[in-house]
């Protein structure tokens, strides 16, 4: 009688390899989109934090009567911060505008974003470094700051309308192409 001897295998069969490759493909198909969406969410959150800084500056200037400046430096990871004037009066500010970092509002980083363009009352902002001053008692012009995510797939614009204390974030559109809802900006009674 013949005896069968079993050889121990040291390799995978073709079917086992195909099953492993298919499983890796399914796993990658589930994980990679989640990672991409996470990056998008972080960039969008980064824009909203910067928009809150614009709103805080507008509120401090209008309600607290302080000279406020928003500063942006694109070098590194894009630092944005708020400073207030330590001048005792408007005339002191005109002669000696001493700025100091605001002790209450923390610096913000645009580390997920690239500054694309911006305007203050129609005047263009430098893409590398800019300052926006908000003077109490003076009408502030329209402020628009546009950012793009680091991958270059999405854009947002922060829009702070004249007289408004709340900035808004507009995604994917040129804000100057849109109308401004005066009721939403708190200026429903203002004639245009």
Protein backbone atom coordinates (compact mmCIF):
# COMPACT_ATOMS: atom_id res chain seq x y z
CA UNK A 1 0.00 0.00 0.00
CA UNK A 2 1.13 3.51 -0.81
CA UNK A 3 1.50 5.97 1.93
CA UNK A 4 0.90 9.64 1.38
CA UNK A 5 3.32 11.94 2.97
CA UNK A 6 2.29 15.45 3.77
CA UNK A 7 4.73 18.20 3.11
CA UNK A 8 4.57 21.21 5.34
CA UNK A 9 3.97 24.32 3.30
CA UNK A 10 6.20 27.29 3.61
CA UNK A 11 4.41 29.57 1.13
CA UNK A 12 0.96 31.11 0.68
CA UNK A 13 -1.39 29.95 -2.01
CA UNK A 14 -2.57 32.38 -4.67
CA UNK A 15 -6.06 32.49 -3.16
CA UNK A 16 -4.71 33.45 0.27
CA UNK A 17 -2.70 36.28 -1.29
CA UNK A 18 -5.73 37.55 -3.21
CA UNK A 19 -7.87 37.50 -0.04
CA UNK A 20 -5.24 39.49 1.88
CA UNK A 21 -4.91 42.08 -0.92
CA UNK A 22 -8.69 42.49 -1.13
CA UNK A 23 -8.94 42.92 2.65
CA UNK A 24 -6.19 45.56 2.60
CA UNK A 25 -8.00 47.36 -0.23
CA UNK A 26 -11.27 47.43 1.70
CA UNK A 27 -9.50 48.65 4.82
CA UNK A 28 -7.70 51.41 2.88
CA UNK A 29 -10.97 52.39 1.22
CA UNK A 30 -12.54 52.90 4.63
CA UNK A 31 -9.63 54.64 6.39
CA UNK A 32 -8.20 57.04 3.77
CA UNK A 33 -11.44 59.02 3.18
CA UNK A 34 -11.86 59.43 6.95
CA UNK A 35 -8.35 60.78 7.23
CA UNK A 36 -9.01 63.23 4.38
CA UNK A 37 -12.27 64.42 5.94
CA UNK A 38 -10.46 64.92 9.24
CA UNK A 39 -7.95 67.20 7.55
CA UNK A 40 -10.81 69.17 5.96
CA UNK A 41 -12.56 69.50 9.33
CA UNK A 42 -9.37 70.72 11.00
CA UNK A 43 -8.84 73.36 8.28
CA UNK A 44 -12.46 74.52 8.55
CA UNK A 45 -12.18 74.70 12.33
CA UNK A 46 -8.98 76.73 11.91
CA UNK A 47 -10.88 79.26 9.74
CA UNK A 48 -13.68 79.52 12.30
CA UNK A 49 -11.19 80.23 15.10
CA UNK A 50 -9.64 83.03 13.02
CA UNK A 51 -13.13 84.40 12.28
CA UNK A 52 -13.80 84.51 16.03
CA UNK A 53 -10.65 86.62 16.41
CA UNK A 54 -12.05 89.11 13.87
CA UNK A 55 -15.34 89.21 15.81
CA UNK A 56 -13.53 89.70 19.11
CA UNK A 57 -11.55 92.61 17.67
CA UNK A 58 -14.70 94.27 16.32
CA UNK A 59 -16.51 93.85 19.64
CA UNK A 60 -13.58 95.20 21.69
CA UNK A 61 -13.32 98.24 19.44
CA UNK A 62 -17.06 99.00 19.38
CA UNK A 63 -18.17 98.02 22.87
CA UNK A 64 -15.07 98.60 25.00
CA UNK A 65 -13.96 101.65 23.01
CA UNK A 66 -10.40 100.38 22.59
CA UNK A 67 -8.10 100.86 19.63
CA UNK A 68 -7.65 97.32 18.34
CA UNK A 69 -5.36 95.91 15.69
CA UNK A 70 -5.35 92.45 14.18
CA UNK A 71 -1.90 91.36 13.02
CA UNK A 72 -1.03 88.52 10.66
CA UNK A 73 2.37 87.10 9.77
CA UNK A 74 2.39 84.32 7.15
CA UNK A 75 5.94 83.19 7.90
CA UNK A 76 6.10 79.83 9.62
CA UNK A 77 2.63 78.57 10.40
CA UNK A 78 0.74 81.84 9.94
CA UNK A 79 0.40 83.58 13.29
CA UNK A 80 -2.55 85.93 13.88
CA UNK A 81 -2.92 87.96 17.04
CA UNK A 82 -4.74 90.94 18.49
CA UNK A 83 -3.15 93.98 20.07
CA UNK A 84 -4.71 96.92 21.86
CA UNK A 85 -3.45 100.44 22.27
CA UNK A 86 -2.29 101.58 25.67
CA UNK A 87 -2.95 105.23 24.81
CA UNK A 88 -5.12 107.02 27.36
CA UNK A 89 -7.07 109.03 24.78
CA UNK A 90 -7.58 109.41 21.04
CA UNK A 91 -5.14 112.34 20.93
CA UNK A 92 -2.51 110.25 22.76
CA UNK A 93 -3.06 107.51 20.23
CA UNK A 94 -2.47 109.93 17.34
CA UNK A 95 0.86 111.09 18.77
CA UNK A 96 2.09 107.84 20.32
CA UNK A 97 0.27 104.70 19.11
CA UNK A 98 1.80 102.15 21.46
CA UNK A 99 0.50 98.65 20.77
CA UNK A 100 0.68 95.72 23.18
CA UNK A 101 -0.52 92.13 22.81
CA UNK A 102 -3.95 91.68 24.28
CA UNK A 103 -3.59 89.87 27.63
CA UNK A 104 -6.98 88.15 27.34
CA UNK A 105 -7.06 86.96 23.72
CA UNK A 106 -4.54 84.28 22.81
CA UNK A 107 -2.57 84.18 19.59
CA UNK A 108 -3.95 81.95 16.86
CA UNK A 109 -2.18 79.91 14.21
CA UNK A 110 -3.31 79.39 10.63
CA UNK A 111 -1.32 76.17 10.57
CA UNK A 112 -3.85 74.33 8.40
CA UNK A 113 -4.35 77.29 6.04
CA UNK A 114 -2.65 79.56 3.55
CA UNK A 115 -3.65 83.22 3.34
CA UNK A 116 -4.69 83.89 -0.26
CA UNK A 117 -5.91 87.48 -0.37
CA UNK A 118 -7.71 90.11 1.61
CA UNK A 119 -9.10 93.61 1.47
CA UNK A 120 -9.99 96.32 3.96
CA UNK A 121 -12.50 98.72 2.46
CA UNK A 122 -11.27 97.80 -1.02
CA UNK A 123 -7.54 98.14 -0.24
CA UNK A 124 -5.60 94.91 -0.77
CA UNK A 125 -3.73 93.26 2.08
CA UNK A 126 -0.20 91.95 1.63
CA UNK A 127 -0.19 88.15 1.50
CA UNK A 128 2.86 87.89 3.78
CA UNK A 129 2.14 90.34 6.60
CA UNK A 130 -0.67 92.76 7.42
CA UNK A 131 -2.33 94.81 10.13
CA UNK A 132 -5.98 95.81 10.36
CA UNK A 133 -6.75 98.66 12.77
CA UNK A 134 -10.18 99.16 14.31
CA UNK A 135 -10.60 102.61 15.80
CA UNK A 136 -13.56 103.30 18.11
CA UNK A 137 -15.84 106.04 16.83
CA UNK A 138 -14.66 105.61 13.23
CA UNK A 139 -16.63 103.58 10.74
CA UNK A 140 -14.81 100.41 9.88
CA UNK A 141 -14.85 99.40 6.23
CA UNK A 142 -15.62 95.97 4.81
CA UNK A 143 -12.96 93.43 5.82
CA UNK A 144 -12.46 90.27 3.77
CA UNK A 145 -9.70 87.70 4.36
CA UNK A 146 -9.54 84.60 2.15
CA UNK A 147 -7.76 81.38 3.12
CA UNK A 148 -7.14 78.06 1.35
CA UNK A 149 -6.44 74.72 2.99
CA UNK A 150 -2.87 73.42 2.64
CA UNK A 151 -3.95 70.83 0.08
CA UNK A 152 -5.48 73.58 -2.08
CA UNK A 153 -8.89 71.91 -2.35
CA UNK A 154 -11.12 74.25 -0.32
CA UNK A 155 -11.26 78.00 0.22
CA UNK A 156 -13.00 80.13 2.80
CA UNK A 157 -13.38 83.86 3.27
CA UNK A 158 -13.86 85.62 6.56
CA UNK A 159 -16.15 88.61 6.05
CA UNK A 160 -16.61 91.37 8.62
CA UNK A 161 -19.16 93.88 7.35
CA UNK A 162 -19.02 97.57 8.36
CA UNK A 163 -20.72 98.10 11.71
CA UNK A 164 -21.05 94.37 12.37
CA UNK A 165 -19.64 92.78 15.48
CA UNK A 166 -19.83 89.27 14.08
CA UNK A 167 -17.75 87.98 11.21
CA UNK A 168 -19.04 85.25 8.98
CA UNK A 169 -17.31 82.48 7.06
CA UNK A 170 -18.14 82.02 3.39
CA UNK A 171 -16.93 78.82 1.76
CA UNK A 172 -15.80 78.51 -1.83
CA UNK A 173 -17.20 81.81 -3.08
CA UNK A 174 -15.76 85.20 -3.70
CA UNK A 175 -17.48 87.20 -0.98
CA UNK A 176 -17.61 90.34 -3.10
CA UNK A 177 -19.90 88.48 -5.52
CA UNK A 178 -22.45 87.94 -2.78
CA UNK A 179 -24.90 90.40 -1.37
CA UNK A 180 -24.71 91.32 2.29
CA UNK A 181 -27.70 90.60 4.47
CA UNK A 182 -27.98 93.77 6.58
CA UNK A 183 -30.36 92.07 9.02
CA UNK A 184 -27.84 89.28 9.66
CA UNK A 185 -25.07 91.79 10.34
CA UNK A 186 -27.20 93.73 12.81
CA UNK A 187 -27.66 96.69 10.48
CA UNK A 188 -31.28 96.10 9.44
CA UNK A 189 -32.28 99.67 10.26
CA UNK A 190 -29.41 101.28 8.32
CA UNK A 191 -30.33 102.73 4.95
CA UNK A 192 -28.15 101.81 2.05
